[in-house]
Amino acid sequence: MTAIPKPSMSAPPKSTTAPENTTEPENTTAASAATASAAAASPAALHSAVIGWFDEHARDLPWRRPEAGAWGVMVSEFMLQQTPVARVLPVYEQWLARWPRPAGLAAEAPGEAVRAWGRLGYPRRALRLHGAAVAIAERHGGNVPRDHAKLLALPGVGEYTAAAVASFAYGGRHAVLDTNVRRVLARAVTGVQYPPTATTAAERRLARALLPEDDGTAARWAASTMELGALVCTARNPGCGRCPIAARCAWRLAGSPPHDGPPRRGQTYAGTDRQVRGKLLAVLREATAPVPQRVLDAVWEEPVQRARALDGLVADGLVEPLADGSYRLPLSRAEPT
């Protein structure tokens, strides 16, 4: 996120928190509906409180600085998907130092993007970012487009990423719905502990209804709610005592009812195909020449799982098999779709 315009509104009040001994209503469906209605009835108060908190507490992240530009914002959005900021920071800085413009990445083999991705995980994101860079170089003169529809037409760019880049890089008015924002809106307005597993039409309608009318303020609201979810309204241990909207949070006012939907299971990694794929890719990233099959065979003892993981990497375009039975990172240039 970078160069987000300051909101065209009066100076927001300092962040406030609800007193710890606030009396809470009974945890009933009627109470939840009433508190949700009350929270939704005053969006301007939510905007003022959350943006004011953001102005005071936002982290200084490189993609939020003006010099990052739209390309820096786009790179960060690809890298931050399902990956903590602390892991992204060093890779992001190395990436932008090597490829400060999309054309630089587009001129490289896609395997170089996979190599530079390192251990961020979900390496198909590297291929998608490379594909987007190729399309930007070929269709848009090397400049990340400002228009939301043109962003959405880039390979590898979905609804969330297009809205995030248009909002954070260009100050556009878009509903930006990542996991953190969805959780904040679920609690503060809808009155439930967690949002649904997948983004719903109702969530999109709510997010659009809550958007400030002014473009710059809407961009700040998007960044602010995302940061609030990342730092305060966290999934497991929400810091309600530090929350600027605790006094009007529908979930808190309803008595913080527990999640009553499908069980939320954490992702496992050890022993999975993902772990095997990561080990195979680590060998290929470090190699300066094609890697023989026997070297990859030494990575994981179980042959069926190892073969399945390697086949998956080939099918995903992350690895290229050669005629002599060796493997390498892909050299063929990704074609934009």
C-alpha atoms as a PDB file:
ATOM      1  CA  MET A   1       0.000   0.000   0.000  1.00  0.00           C
ATOM      2  CA  THR A   2       1.430   3.379  -0.861  1.00  0.00           C
ATOM      3  CA  ALA A   3       0.706   7.041  -1.410  1.00  0.00           C
ATOM      4  CA  ILE A   4      -2.872   6.748  -0.145  1.00  0.00           C
ATOM      5  CA  PRO A   5      -4.400  10.251  -0.161  1.00  0.00           C
ATOM      6  CA  LYS A   6      -5.317  11.805   3.140  1.00  0.00           C
ATOM      7  CA  PRO A   7      -9.065  11.767   3.740  1.00  0.00           C
ATOM      8  CA  SER A   8     -10.994  14.899   2.857  1.00  0.00           C
ATOM      9  CA  MET A   9     -12.653  15.090   6.246  1.00  0.00           C
ATOM     10  CA  SER A  10     -12.125  16.902   9.502  1.00  0.00           C
ATOM     11  CA  ALA A  11      -9.371  15.630  11.738  1.00  0.00           C
ATOM     12  CA  PRO A  12     -10.483  12.324  13.225  1.00  0.00           C
ATOM     13  CA  PRO A  13     -10.709  11.935  16.980  1.00  0.00           C
ATOM     14  CA  LYS A  14      -8.071  10.083  18.929  1.00  0.00           C
ATOM     15  CA  SER A  15      -8.599   6.360  19.239  1.00  0.00           C
ATOM     16  CA  THR A  16     -10.807   5.397  22.143  1.00  0.00           C
ATOM     17  CA  THR A  17     -11.603   2.118  23.789  1.00  0.00           C
ATOM     18  CA  ALA A  18     -14.642   0.936  25.654  1.00  0.00           C
ATOM     19  CA  PRO A  19     -14.247   0.675  29.445  1.00  0.00           C
ATOM     20  CA  GLU A  20     -13.443  -2.811  30.625  1.00  0.00           C
ATOM     21  CA  ASN A  21     -16.522  -2.969  32.845  1.00  0.00           C
ATOM     22  CA  THR A  22     -19.012  -2.061  30.098  1.00  0.00           C
ATOM     23  CA  THR A  23     -22.275  -3.905  30.674  1.00  0.00           C
ATOM     24  CA  GLU A  24     -23.002  -6.232  27.786  1.00  0.00           C
ATOM     25  CA  PRO A  25     -26.486  -7.298  26.629  1.00  0.00           C
ATOM     26  CA  GLU A  26     -27.649 -10.869  26.614  1.00  0.00           C
ATOM     27  CA  ASN A  27     -26.207 -12.991  23.834  1.00  0.00           C
ATOM     28  CA  THR A  28     -29.363 -13.471  21.802  1.00  0.00           C
ATOM     29  CA  THR A  29     -30.224 -13.308  18.130  1.00  0.00           C
ATOM     30  CA  ALA A  30     -32.312 -10.197  18.737  1.00  0.00           C
ATOM     31  CA  ALA A  31     -29.481  -8.493  20.600  1.00  0.00           C
ATOM     32  CA  SER A  32     -27.027  -9.378  17.835  1.00  0.00           C
ATOM     33  CA  ALA A  33     -29.348  -7.968  15.182  1.00  0.00           C
ATOM     34  CA  ALA A  34     -29.894  -4.798  17.167  1.00  0.00           C
ATOM     35  CA  THR A  35     -26.228  -4.143  17.796  1.00  0.00           C
ATOM     36  CA  ALA A  36     -25.334  -4.923  14.183  1.00  0.00           C
ATOM     37  CA  SER A  37     -27.976  -2.462  13.055  1.00  0.00           C
ATOM     38  CA  ALA A  38     -26.639   0.174  15.418  1.00  0.00           C
ATOM     39  CA  ALA A  39     -23.081  -0.277  14.199  1.00  0.00           C
ATOM     40  CA  ALA A  40     -24.097  -0.116  10.549  1.00  0.00           C
ATOM     41  CA  ALA A  41     -26.265   2.938  11.103  1.00  0.00           C
ATOM     42  CA  SER A  42     -23.288   5.263  11.663  1.00  0.00           C
ATOM     43  CA  PRO A  43     -20.624   4.464   9.055  1.00  0.00           C
ATOM     44  CA  ALA A  44     -19.160   7.968   9.341  1.00  0.00           C
ATOM     45  CA  ALA A  45     -18.329   7.291  12.993  1.00  0.00           C
ATOM     46  CA  LEU A  46     -16.617   4.036  12.012  1.00  0.00           C
ATOM     47  CA  HIS A  47     -14.642   5.801   9.279  1.00  0.00           C
ATOM     48  CA  SER A  48     -13.483   8.565  11.592  1.00  0.00           C
ATOM     49  CA  ALA A  49     -12.440   6.262  14.437  1.00  0.00           C
ATOM     50  CA  VAL A  50     -10.665   3.633  12.333  1.00  0.00           C
ATOM     51  CA  ILE A  51      -8.878   6.100  10.034  1.00  0.00           C
ATOM     52  CA  GLY A  52      -7.826   8.135  13.067  1.00  0.00           C
ATOM     53  CA  TRP A  53      -6.390   5.012  14.663  1.00  0.00           C
ATOM     54  CA  PHE A  54      -4.574   4.135  11.417  1.00  0.00           C
ATOM     55  CA  ASP A  55      -3.009   7.589  11.146  1.00  0.00           C
ATOM     56  CA  GLU A  56      -1.550   7.092  14.619  1.00  0.00           C
ATOM     57  CA  HIS A  57      -0.640   3.401  14.611  1.00  0.00           C
ATOM     58  CA  ALA A  58      -0.013   2.241  11.029  1.00  0.00           C
ATOM     59  CA  ARG A  59       3.223   0.358  10.461  1.00  0.00           C
ATOM     60  CA  ASP A  60       5.883   1.950   8.274  1.00  0.00           C
ATOM     61  CA  LEU A  61       5.997  -0.629   5.493  1.00  0.00           C
ATOM     62  CA  PRO A  62       7.971  -0.119   2.256  1.00  0.00           C
ATOM     63  CA  TRP A  63       4.985  -0.649  -0.037  1.00  0.00           C
ATOM     64  CA  ARG A  64       3.147   2.160   1.763  1.00  0.00           C
ATOM     65  CA  ARG A  65       5.806   4.723   0.894  1.00  0.00           C
ATOM     66  CA  PRO A  66       5.297   6.977  -2.143  1.00  0.00           C
ATOM     67  CA  GLU A  67       8.480   5.741  -3.796  1.00  0.00           C
ATOM     68  CA  ALA A  68       7.085   2.197  -3.983  1.00  0.00           C
ATOM     69  CA  GLY A  69       4.734   3.180  -6.779  1.00  0.00           C
ATOM     70  CA  ALA A  70       2.033   0.986  -8.239  1.00  0.00           C
ATOM     71  CA  TRP A  71       4.474  -1.794  -9.117  1.00  0.00           C
ATOM     72  CA  GLY A  72       5.695  -1.968  -5.527  1.00  0.00           C
ATOM     73  CA  VAL A  73       2.102  -2.191  -4.332  1.00  0.00           C
ATOM     74  CA  MET A  74       1.333  -4.970  -6.807  1.00  0.00           C
ATOM     75  CA  VAL A  75       4.411  -6.984  -5.826  1.00  0.00           C
ATOM     76  CA  SER A  76       3.508  -6.670  -2.146  1.00  0.00           C
ATOM     77  CA  GLU A  77      -0.059  -7.806  -2.760  1.00  0.00           C
ATOM     78  CA  PHE A  78       1.109 -10.961  -4.540  1.00  0.00           C
ATOM     79  CA  MET A  79       3.644 -11.733  -1.815  1.00  0.00           C
ATOM     80  CA  LEU A  80       1.382 -11.039   1.158  1.00  0.00           C
ATOM     81  CA  GLN A  81      -1.275 -13.565   0.162  1.00  0.00           C
ATOM     82  CA  GLN A  82      -1.293 -16.144   2.991  1.00  0.00           C
ATOM     83  CA  THR A  83       2.161 -14.969   4.088  1.00  0.00           C
ATOM     84  CA  PRO A  84       3.115 -12.858   7.160  1.00  0.00           C
ATOM     85  CA  VAL A  85       4.672  -9.427   6.680  1.00  0.00           C
ATOM     86  CA  ALA A  86       7.878 -10.438   8.485  1.00  0.00           C
ATOM     87  CA  ARG A  87       8.579 -13.164   5.918  1.00  0.00           C
ATOM     88  CA  VAL A  88       7.713 -10.931   2.976  1.00  0.00           C
ATOM     89  CA  LEU A  89       9.867  -7.915   3.855  1.00  0.00           C
ATOM     90  CA  PRO A  90      13.343  -9.234   2.913  1.00  0.00           C
ATOM     91  CA  VAL A  91      12.132 -10.934  -0.269  1.00  0.00           C
ATOM     92  CA  TYR A  92      10.152  -7.849  -1.282  1.00  0.00           C
ATOM     93  CA  GLU A  93      13.174  -5.584  -0.887  1.00  0.00           C
ATOM     94  CA  GLN A  94      15.422  -7.930  -2.879  1.00  0.00           C
ATOM     95  CA  TRP A  95      12.786  -8.281  -5.589  1.00  0.00           C
ATOM     96  CA  LEU A  96      12.320  -4.511  -6.043  1.00  0.00           C
ATOM     97  CA  ALA A  97      16.068  -3.949  -6.022  1.00  0.00           C
ATOM     98  CA  ARG A  98      16.424  -6.442  -8.879  1.00  0.00           C
ATOM     99  CA  TRP A  99      13.221  -5.608 -10.760  1.00  0.00           C
ATOM    100  CA  PRO A 100      12.169  -2.023  -9.957  1.00  0.00           C
ATOM    101  CA  ARG A 101       9.895  -2.007 -13.008  1.00  0.00           C
ATOM    102  CA  PRO A 102       7.601  -4.677 -14.517  1.00  0.00           C
ATOM    103  CA  ALA A 103       9.586  -4.725 -17.778  1.00  0.00           C
ATOM    104  CA  GLY A 104      12.690  -5.940 -15.964  1.00  0.00           C
ATOM    105  CA  LEU A 105      10.885  -8.976 -14.615  1.00  0.00           C
ATOM    106  CA  ALA A 106       9.101  -9.570 -17.915  1.00  0.00           C
ATOM    107  CA  ALA A 107      12.449  -9.806 -19.715  1.00  0.00           C
ATOM    108  CA  GLU A 108      13.606 -12.642 -17.448  1.00  0.00           C
ATOM    109  CA  ALA A 109      12.750 -16.329 -17.671  1.00  0.00           C
ATOM    110  CA  PRO A 110       9.842 -17.254 -15.386  1.00  0.00           C
ATOM    111  CA  GLY A 111      12.179 -19.600 -13.535  1.00  0.00           C
ATOM    112  CA  GLU A 112      14.076 -16.567 -12.258  1.00  0.00           C
ATOM    113  CA  ALA A 113      10.895 -15.333 -10.602  1.00  0.00           C
ATOM    114  CA  VAL A 114      10.503 -18.738  -8.936  1.00  0.00           C
ATOM    115  CA  ARG A 115      14.140 -18.617  -7.818  1.00  0.00           C
ATOM    116  CA  ALA A 116      13.820 -15.123  -6.369  1.00  0.00           C
ATOM    117  CA  TRP A 117      10.599 -16.091  -4.594  1.00  0.00           C
ATOM    118  CA  GLY A 118      12.697 -18.135  -2.214  1.00  0.00           C
ATOM    119  CA  ARG A 119      10.802 -19.784   0.639  1.00  0.00           C
ATOM    120  CA  LEU A 120       7.756 -17.541   0.674  1.00  0.00           C
ATOM    121  CA  GLY A 121       5.574 -20.521  -0.172  1.00  0.00           C
ATOM    122  CA  TYR A 122       2.832 -20.951  -2.760  1.00  0.00           C
ATOM    123  CA  PRO A 123       5.384 -20.361  -5.555  1.00  0.00           C
ATOM    124  CA  ARG A 124       2.753 -20.315  -8.285  1.00  0.00           C
ATOM    125  CA  ARG A 125       2.296 -16.719  -7.180  1.00  0.00           C
ATOM    126  CA  ALA A 126       5.754 -16.012  -8.605  1.00  0.00           C
ATOM    127  CA  LEU A 127       4.714 -17.346 -11.997  1.00  0.00           C
ATOM    128  CA  ARG A 128       1.500 -15.323 -11.885  1.00  0.00           C
ATOM    129  CA  LEU A 129       3.386 -12.159 -11.009  1.00  0.00           C
ATOM    130  CA  HIS A 130       5.767 -12.832 -13.879  1.00  0.00           C
ATOM    131  CA  GLY A 131       2.817 -13.304 -16.220  1.00  0.00           C
ATOM    132  CA  ALA A 132       1.300 -10.033 -15.020  1.00  0.00           C
ATOM    133  CA  ALA A 133       4.600  -8.251 -15.618  1.00  0.00           C
ATOM    134  CA  VAL A 134       4.731  -9.589 -19.178  1.00  0.00           C
ATOM    135  CA  ALA A 135       1.203  -8.359 -19.839  1.00  0.00           C
ATOM    136  CA  ILE A 136       1.953  -4.949 -18.311  1.00  0.00           C
ATOM    137  CA  ALA A 137       5.038  -4.603 -20.510  1.00  0.00           C
ATOM    138  CA  GLU A 138       3.189  -5.647 -23.662  1.00  0.00           C
ATOM    139  CA  ARG A 139      -0.221  -4.049 -23.153  1.00  0.00           C
ATOM    140  CA  HIS A 140       0.406  -1.000 -20.977  1.00  0.00           C
ATOM    141  CA  GLY A 141       3.822   0.336 -21.906  1.00  0.00           C
ATOM    142  CA  GLY A 142       5.412  -1.047 -18.766  1.00  0.00           C
ATOM    143  CA  ASN A 143       3.134   0.888 -16.408  1.00  0.00           C
ATOM    144  CA  VAL A 144       0.743  -0.801 -13.973  1.00  0.00           C
ATOM    145  CA  PRO A 145      -2.707   0.274 -15.178  1.00  0.00           C
ATOM    146  CA  ARG A 146      -4.825   2.534 -13.021  1.00  0.00           C
ATOM    147  CA  ASP A 147      -8.189   1.285 -14.269  1.00  0.00           C
ATOM    148  CA  HIS A 148      -9.732  -1.485 -12.168  1.00  0.00           C
ATOM    149  CA  ALA A 149     -11.035  -3.413 -15.191  1.00  0.00           C
ATOM    150  CA  LYS A 150      -7.615  -3.366 -16.842  1.00  0.00           C
ATOM    151  CA  LEU A 151      -6.001  -4.587 -13.635  1.00  0.00           C
ATOM    152  CA  LEU A 152      -8.539  -7.390 -13.390  1.00  0.00           C
ATOM    153  CA  ALA A 153      -7.723  -8.412 -16.982  1.00  0.00           C
ATOM    154  CA  LEU A 154      -4.065  -9.056 -16.106  1.00  0.00           C
ATOM    155  CA  PRO A 155      -3.116 -12.739 -15.731  1.00  0.00           C
ATOM    156  CA  GLY A 156      -2.942 -13.801 -12.104  1.00  0.00           C
ATOM    157  CA  VAL A 157      -4.849 -10.746 -10.852  1.00  0.00           C
ATOM    158  CA  GLY A 158      -8.142 -11.510  -9.137  1.00  0.00           C
ATOM    159  CA  GLU A 159     -10.889  -9.435  -7.598  1.00  0.00           C
ATOM    160  CA  TYR A 160      -9.014  -8.677  -4.386  1.00  0.00           C
ATOM    161  CA  THR A 161      -5.653  -7.789  -5.974  1.00  0.00           C
ATOM    162  CA  ALA A 162      -7.225  -5.522  -8.604  1.00  0.00           C
ATOM    163  CA  ALA A 163      -9.165  -3.619  -5.932  1.00  0.00           C
ATOM    164  CA  ALA A 164      -6.126  -3.400  -3.640  1.00  0.00           C
ATOM    165  CA  VAL A 165      -3.809  -1.999  -6.322  1.00  0.00           C
ATOM    166  CA  ALA A 166      -6.423   0.455  -7.613  1.00  0.00           C
ATOM    167  CA  SER A 167      -7.081   1.625  -4.052  1.00  0.00           C
ATOM    168  CA  PHE A 168      -3.653   1.577  -2.406  1.00  0.00           C
ATOM    169  CA  ALA A 169      -1.596   2.674  -5.399  1.00  0.00           C
ATOM    170  CA  TYR A 170      -3.998   5.098  -7.053  1.00  0.00           C
ATOM    171  CA  GLY A 171      -6.371   6.131  -4.283  1.00  0.00           C
ATOM    172  CA  GLY A 172      -9.430   4.658  -5.978  1.00  0.00           C
ATOM    173  CA  ARG A 173     -12.753   3.927  -4.323  1.00  0.00           C
ATOM    174  CA  HIS A 174     -13.033   0.142  -4.179  1.00  0.00           C
ATOM    175  CA  ALA A 175     -14.151  -2.450  -1.654  1.00  0.00           C
ATOM    176  CA  VAL A 176     -10.934  -4.231  -0.653  1.00  0.00           C
ATOM    177  CA  LEU A 177     -11.847  -7.498   1.044  1.00  0.00           C
ATOM    178  CA  ASP A 178      -8.969  -9.524   2.394  1.00  0.00           C
ATOM    179  CA  THR A 179      -9.182 -11.840   5.409  1.00  0.00           C
ATOM    180  CA  ASN A 180      -8.394  -9.050   7.873  1.00  0.00           C
ATOM    181  CA  VAL A 181     -10.986  -6.642   6.493  1.00  0.00           C
ATOM    182  CA  ARG A 182     -13.638  -9.350   6.334  1.00  0.00           C
ATOM    183  CA  ARG A 183     -13.010 -10.240   9.991  1.00  0.00           C
ATOM    184  CA  VAL A 184     -13.270  -6.591  11.103  1.00  0.00           C
ATOM    185  CA  LEU A 185     -16.560  -6.115   9.256  1.00  0.00           C
ATOM    186  CA  ALA A 186     -17.919  -9.452  10.488  1.00  0.00           C
ATOM    187  CA  ARG A 187     -17.331  -8.464  14.098  1.00  0.00           C
ATOM    188  CA  ALA A 188     -17.910  -4.722  14.053  1.00  0.00           C
ATOM    189  CA  VAL A 189     -21.024  -4.692  11.865  1.00  0.00           C
ATOM    190  CA  THR A 190     -22.438  -8.195  11.409  1.00  0.00           C
ATOM    191  CA  GLY A 191     -21.868  -9.242  15.022  1.00  0.00           C
ATOM    192  CA  VAL A 192     -20.187 -12.630  14.398  1.00  0.00           C
ATOM    193  CA  GLN A 193     -16.743 -13.799  15.420  1.00  0.00           C
ATOM    194  CA  TYR A 194     -15.534 -14.934  11.994  1.00  0.00           C
ATOM    195  CA  PRO A 195     -16.594 -14.297   8.387  1.00  0.00           C
ATOM    196  CA  PRO A 196     -17.616 -17.203   6.138  1.00  0.00           C
ATOM    197  CA  THR A 197     -14.876 -19.396   4.702  1.00  0.00           C
ATOM    198  CA  ALA A 198     -15.282 -17.843   1.242  1.00  0.00           C
ATOM    199  CA  THR A 199     -16.267 -14.265   0.467  1.00  0.00           C
ATOM    200  CA  THR A 200     -20.019 -13.986  -0.008  1.00  0.00           C
ATOM    201  CA  ALA A 201     -22.241 -11.623  -1.978  1.00  0.00           C
ATOM    202  CA  ALA A 202     -23.576 -10.272   1.319  1.00  0.00           C
ATOM    203  CA  GLU A 203     -20.059  -9.332   2.429  1.00  0.00           C
ATOM    204  CA  ARG A 204     -19.442  -7.529  -0.846  1.00  0.00           C
ATOM    205  CA  ARG A 205     -22.686  -5.597  -0.499  1.00  0.00           C
ATOM    206  CA  LEU A 206     -21.841  -4.617   3.065  1.00  0.00           C
ATOM    207  CA  ALA A 207     -18.308  -3.519   2.105  1.00  0.00           C
ATOM    208  CA  ARG A 208     -19.644  -1.380  -0.739  1.00  0.00           C
ATOM    209  CA  ALA A 209     -22.329   0.134   1.484  1.00  0.00           C
ATOM    210  CA  LEU A 210     -19.695   1.152   4.048  1.00  0.00           C
ATOM    211  CA  LEU A 211     -17.351   2.805   1.519  1.00  0.00           C
ATOM    212  CA  PRO A 212     -16.881   6.529   2.107  1.00  0.00           C
ATOM    213  CA  GLU A 213     -18.076   8.599  -0.855  1.00  0.00           C
ATOM    214  CA  ASP A 214     -14.779  10.439  -1.285  1.00  0.00           C
ATOM    215  CA  ASP A 215     -12.135   8.455  -3.193  1.00  0.00           C
ATOM    216  CA  GLY A 216      -9.240   9.414  -0.937  1.00  0.00           C
ATOM    217  CA  THR A 217     -11.153   8.668   2.243  1.00  0.00           C
ATOM    218  CA  ALA A 218     -12.307   5.342   0.806  1.00  0.00           C
ATOM    219  CA  ALA A 219      -8.679   4.398   0.105  1.00  0.00           C
ATOM    220  CA  ARG A 220      -7.696   5.300   3.665  1.00  0.00           C
ATOM    221  CA  TRP A 221     -10.658   3.319   5.014  1.00  0.00           C
ATOM    222  CA  ALA A 222      -9.518   0.249   3.054  1.00  0.00           C
ATOM    223  CA  ALA A 223      -5.983   0.503   4.385  1.00  0.00           C
ATOM    224  CA  SER A 224      -7.173   1.278   7.908  1.00  0.00           C
ATOM    225  CA  THR A 225      -9.551  -1.649   8.261  1.00  0.00           C
ATOM    226  CA  MET A 226      -6.908  -4.000   6.901  1.00  0.00           C
ATOM    227  CA  GLU A 227      -4.356  -2.773   9.442  1.00  0.00           C
ATOM    228  CA  LEU A 228      -6.875  -2.946  12.276  1.00  0.00           C
ATOM    229  CA  GLY A 229      -7.537  -6.595  11.443  1.00  0.00           C
ATOM    230  CA  ALA A 230      -3.827  -7.365  11.231  1.00  0.00           C
ATOM    231  CA  LEU A 231      -2.799  -5.684  14.489  1.00  0.00           C
ATOM    232  CA  VAL A 232      -5.830  -5.522  16.801  1.00  0.00           C
ATOM    233  CA  CYS A 233      -8.876  -7.434  15.583  1.00  0.00           C
ATOM    234  CA  THR A 234      -6.845 -10.597  15.107  1.00  0.00           C
ATOM    235  CA  ALA A 235      -8.292 -14.049  14.565  1.00  0.00           C
ATOM    236  CA  ARG A 236      -7.312 -15.724  17.816  1.00  0.00           C
ATOM    237  CA  ASN A 237      -6.659 -13.010  20.405  1.00  0.00           C
ATOM    238  CA  PRO A 238      -8.443  -9.767  19.470  1.00  0.00           C
ATOM    239  CA  GLY A 239      -7.204  -6.762  21.413  1.00  0.00           C
ATOM    240  CA  CYS A 240     -10.619  -5.275  22.171  1.00  0.00           C
ATOM    241  CA  GLY A 241      -9.104  -3.068  24.860  1.00  0.00           C
ATOM    242  CA  ARG A 242      -7.005  -1.347  22.169  1.00  0.00           C
ATOM    243  CA  CYS A 243      -9.680  -1.184  19.493  1.00  0.00           C
ATOM    244  CA  PRO A 244     -10.887   2.274  18.407  1.00  0.00           C
ATOM    245  CA  ILE A 245     -14.394   0.956  17.695  1.00  0.00           C
ATOM    246  CA  ALA A 246     -14.848  -1.431  20.606  1.00  0.00           C
ATOM    247  CA  ALA A 247     -17.638   0.723  22.026  1.00  0.00           C
ATOM    248  CA  ARG A 248     -19.714   0.261  18.858  1.00  0.00           C
ATOM    249  CA  CYS A 249     -18.589  -3.246  17.826  1.00  0.00           C
ATOM    250  CA  ALA A 250     -21.679  -5.393  17.236  1.00  0.00           C
ATOM    251  CA  TRP A 251     -19.922  -8.637  18.193  1.00  0.00           C
ATOM    252  CA  ARG A 252     -18.601  -7.213  21.458  1.00  0.00           C
ATOM    253  CA  LEU A 253     -21.911  -5.571  22.340  1.00  0.00           C
ATOM    254  CA  ALA A 254     -23.640  -8.906  21.765  1.00  0.00           C
ATOM    255  CA  GLY A 255     -21.374 -10.513  24.353  1.00  0.00           C
ATOM    256  CA  SER A 256     -18.711 -11.817  21.962  1.00  0.00           C
ATOM    257  CA  PRO A 257     -20.674 -14.954  20.976  1.00  0.00           C
ATOM    258  CA  PRO A 258     -18.449 -17.867  19.883  1.00  0.00           C
ATOM    259  CA  HIS A 259     -18.249 -19.006  16.289  1.00  0.00           C
ATOM    260  CA  ASP A 260     -21.125 -21.356  15.443  1.00  0.00           C
ATOM    261  CA  GLY A 261     -20.196 -22.234  11.861  1.00  0.00           C
ATOM    262  CA  PRO A 262     -18.049 -25.056  10.454  1.00  0.00           C
ATOM    263  CA  PRO A 263     -14.897 -25.839  12.472  1.00  0.00           C
ATOM    264  CA  ARG A 264     -11.940 -23.653  11.558  1.00  0.00           C
ATOM    265  CA  ARG A 265      -8.986 -25.944  10.968  1.00  0.00           C
ATOM    266  CA  GLY A 266      -5.428 -24.705  10.777  1.00  0.00           C
ATOM    267  CA  GLN A 267      -3.309 -25.716   7.811  1.00  0.00           C
ATOM    268  CA  THR A 268      -0.777 -28.478   8.346  1.00  0.00           C
ATOM    269  CA  TYR A 269       2.563 -28.557   6.564  1.00  0.00           C
ATOM    270  CA  ALA A 270       4.850 -31.278   7.924  1.00  0.00           C
ATOM    271  CA  GLY A 271       4.678 -34.434   5.841  1.00  0.00           C
ATOM    272  CA  THR A 272       2.387 -32.954   3.205  1.00  0.00           C
ATOM    273  CA  ASP A 273       2.927 -32.726  -0.539  1.00  0.00           C
ATOM    274  CA  ARG A 274       3.470 -29.005  -0.001  1.00  0.00           C
ATOM    275  CA  GLN A 275       6.511 -29.764   2.129  1.00  0.00           C
ATOM    276  CA  VAL A 276       7.905 -32.167  -0.458  1.00  0.00           C
ATOM    277  CA  ARG A 277       7.328 -29.662  -3.260  1.00  0.00           C
ATOM    278  CA  GLY A 278       9.149 -27.043  -1.227  1.00  0.00           C
ATOM    279  CA  LYS A 279      12.144 -29.306  -0.694  1.00  0.00           C
ATOM    280  CA  LEU A 280      12.343 -30.170  -4.387  1.00  0.00           C
ATOM    281  CA  LEU A 281      12.093 -26.529  -5.396  1.00  0.00           C
ATOM    282  CA  ALA A 282      14.777 -25.564  -2.882  1.00  0.00           C
ATOM    283  CA  VAL A 283      17.255 -27.863  -4.648  1.00  0.00           C
ATOM    284  CA  LEU A 284      16.315 -26.497  -8.067  1.00  0.00           C
ATOM    285  CA  ARG A 285      16.540 -22.872  -6.903  1.00  0.00           C
ATOM    286  CA  GLU A 286      20.082 -23.388  -5.675  1.00  0.00           C
ATOM    287  CA  ALA A 287      21.210 -25.191  -8.823  1.00  0.00           C
ATOM    288  CA  THR A 288      23.030 -23.399 -11.645  1.00  0.00           C
ATOM    289  CA  ALA A 289      22.530 -26.310 -14.050  1.00  0.00           C
ATOM    290  CA  PRO A 290      19.803 -28.919 -14.634  1.00  0.00           C
ATOM    291  CA  VAL A 291      19.401 -31.275 -11.671  1.00  0.00           C
ATOM    292  CA  PRO A 292      19.592 -35.066 -12.262  1.00  0.00           C
ATOM    293  CA  GLN A 293      16.723 -37.255 -11.065  1.00  0.00           C
ATOM    294  CA  ARG A 294      18.964 -39.011  -8.533  1.00  0.00           C
ATOM    295  CA  VAL A 295      19.638 -35.711  -6.734  1.00  0.00           C
ATOM    296  CA  LEU A 296      15.920 -35.032  -6.413  1.00  0.00           C
ATOM    297  CA  ASP A 297      15.339 -38.620  -5.282  1.00  0.00           C
ATOM    298  CA  ALA A 298      17.546 -37.910  -2.256  1.00  0.00           C
ATOM    299  CA  VAL A 299      15.254 -35.101  -1.113  1.00  0.00           C
ATOM    300  CA  TRP A 300      12.423 -37.326   0.170  1.00  0.00           C
ATOM    301  CA  GLU A 301      12.492 -41.010   1.005  1.00  0.00           C
ATOM    302  CA  GLU A 302       8.915 -41.955   0.147  1.00  0.00           C
ATOM    303  CA  PRO A 303       8.990 -42.487  -3.632  1.00  0.00           C
ATOM    304  CA  VAL A 304       5.270 -42.273  -4.411  1.00  0.00           C
ATOM    305  CA  GLN A 305       4.773 -38.980  -2.621  1.00  0.00           C
ATOM    306  CA  ARG A 306       8.004 -37.596  -4.052  1.00  0.00           C
ATOM    307  CA  ALA A 307       6.969 -38.504  -7.613  1.00  0.00           C
ATOM    308  CA  ARG A 308       3.510 -37.023  -7.055  1.00  0.00           C
ATOM    309  CA  ALA A 309       5.002 -33.772  -5.772  1.00  0.00           C
ATOM    310  CA  LEU A 310       7.430 -33.534  -8.690  1.00  0.00           C
ATOM    311  CA  ASP A 311       4.671 -34.252 -11.200  1.00  0.00           C
ATOM    312  CA  GLY A 312       2.611 -31.513  -9.598  1.00  0.00           C
ATOM    313  CA  LEU A 313       5.452 -29.017  -9.946  1.00  0.00           C
ATOM    314  CA  VAL A 314       5.791 -29.897 -13.621  1.00  0.00           C
ATOM    315  CA  ALA A 315       2.026 -29.621 -14.173  1.00  0.00           C
ATOM    316  CA  ASP A 316       1.990 -26.197 -12.490  1.00  0.00           C
ATOM    317  CA  GLY A 317       4.764 -24.930 -14.755  1.00  0.00           C
ATOM    318  CA  LEU A 318       7.187 -24.479 -11.867  1.00  0.00           C
ATOM    319  CA  VAL A 319       9.634 -27.107 -13.140  1.00  0.00           C
ATOM    320  CA  GLU A 320      10.646 -28.189 -16.635  1.00  0.00           C
ATOM    321  CA  PRO A 321      11.650 -31.811 -17.346  1.00  0.00           C
ATOM    322  CA  LEU A 322      14.428 -32.303 -19.896  1.00  0.00           C
ATOM    323  CA  ALA A 323      14.977 -35.115 -22.374  1.00  0.00           C
ATOM    324  CA  ASP A 324      17.920 -36.533 -20.443  1.00  0.00           C
ATOM    325  CA  GLY A 325      15.764 -37.044 -17.317  1.00  0.00           C
ATOM    326  CA  SER A 326      17.011 -33.961 -15.464  1.00  0.00           C
ATOM    327  CA  TYR A 327      14.945 -30.989 -14.283  1.00  0.00           C
ATOM    328  CA  ARG A 328      15.316 -27.210 -14.113  1.00  0.00           C
ATOM    329  CA  LEU A 329      13.317 -24.109 -13.283  1.00  0.00           C
ATOM    330  CA  PRO A 330      11.248 -22.988 -16.290  1.00  0.00           C
ATOM    331  CA  LEU A 331      12.979 -21.045 -19.054  1.00  0.00           C
ATOM    332  CA  SER A 332      10.061 -20.711 -21.435  1.00  0.00           C
ATOM    333  CA  ARG A 333       8.472 -17.279 -21.291  1.00  0.00           C
ATOM    334  CA  ALA A 334       5.028 -17.136 -19.754  1.00  0.00           C
ATOM    335  CA  GLU A 335       2.383 -15.964 -22.199  1.00  0.00           C
ATOM    336  CA  PRO A 336      -0.228 -13.517 -20.859  1.00  0.00           C
ATOM    337  CA  THR A 337      -3.829 -14.676 -21.105  1.00  0.00           C
END
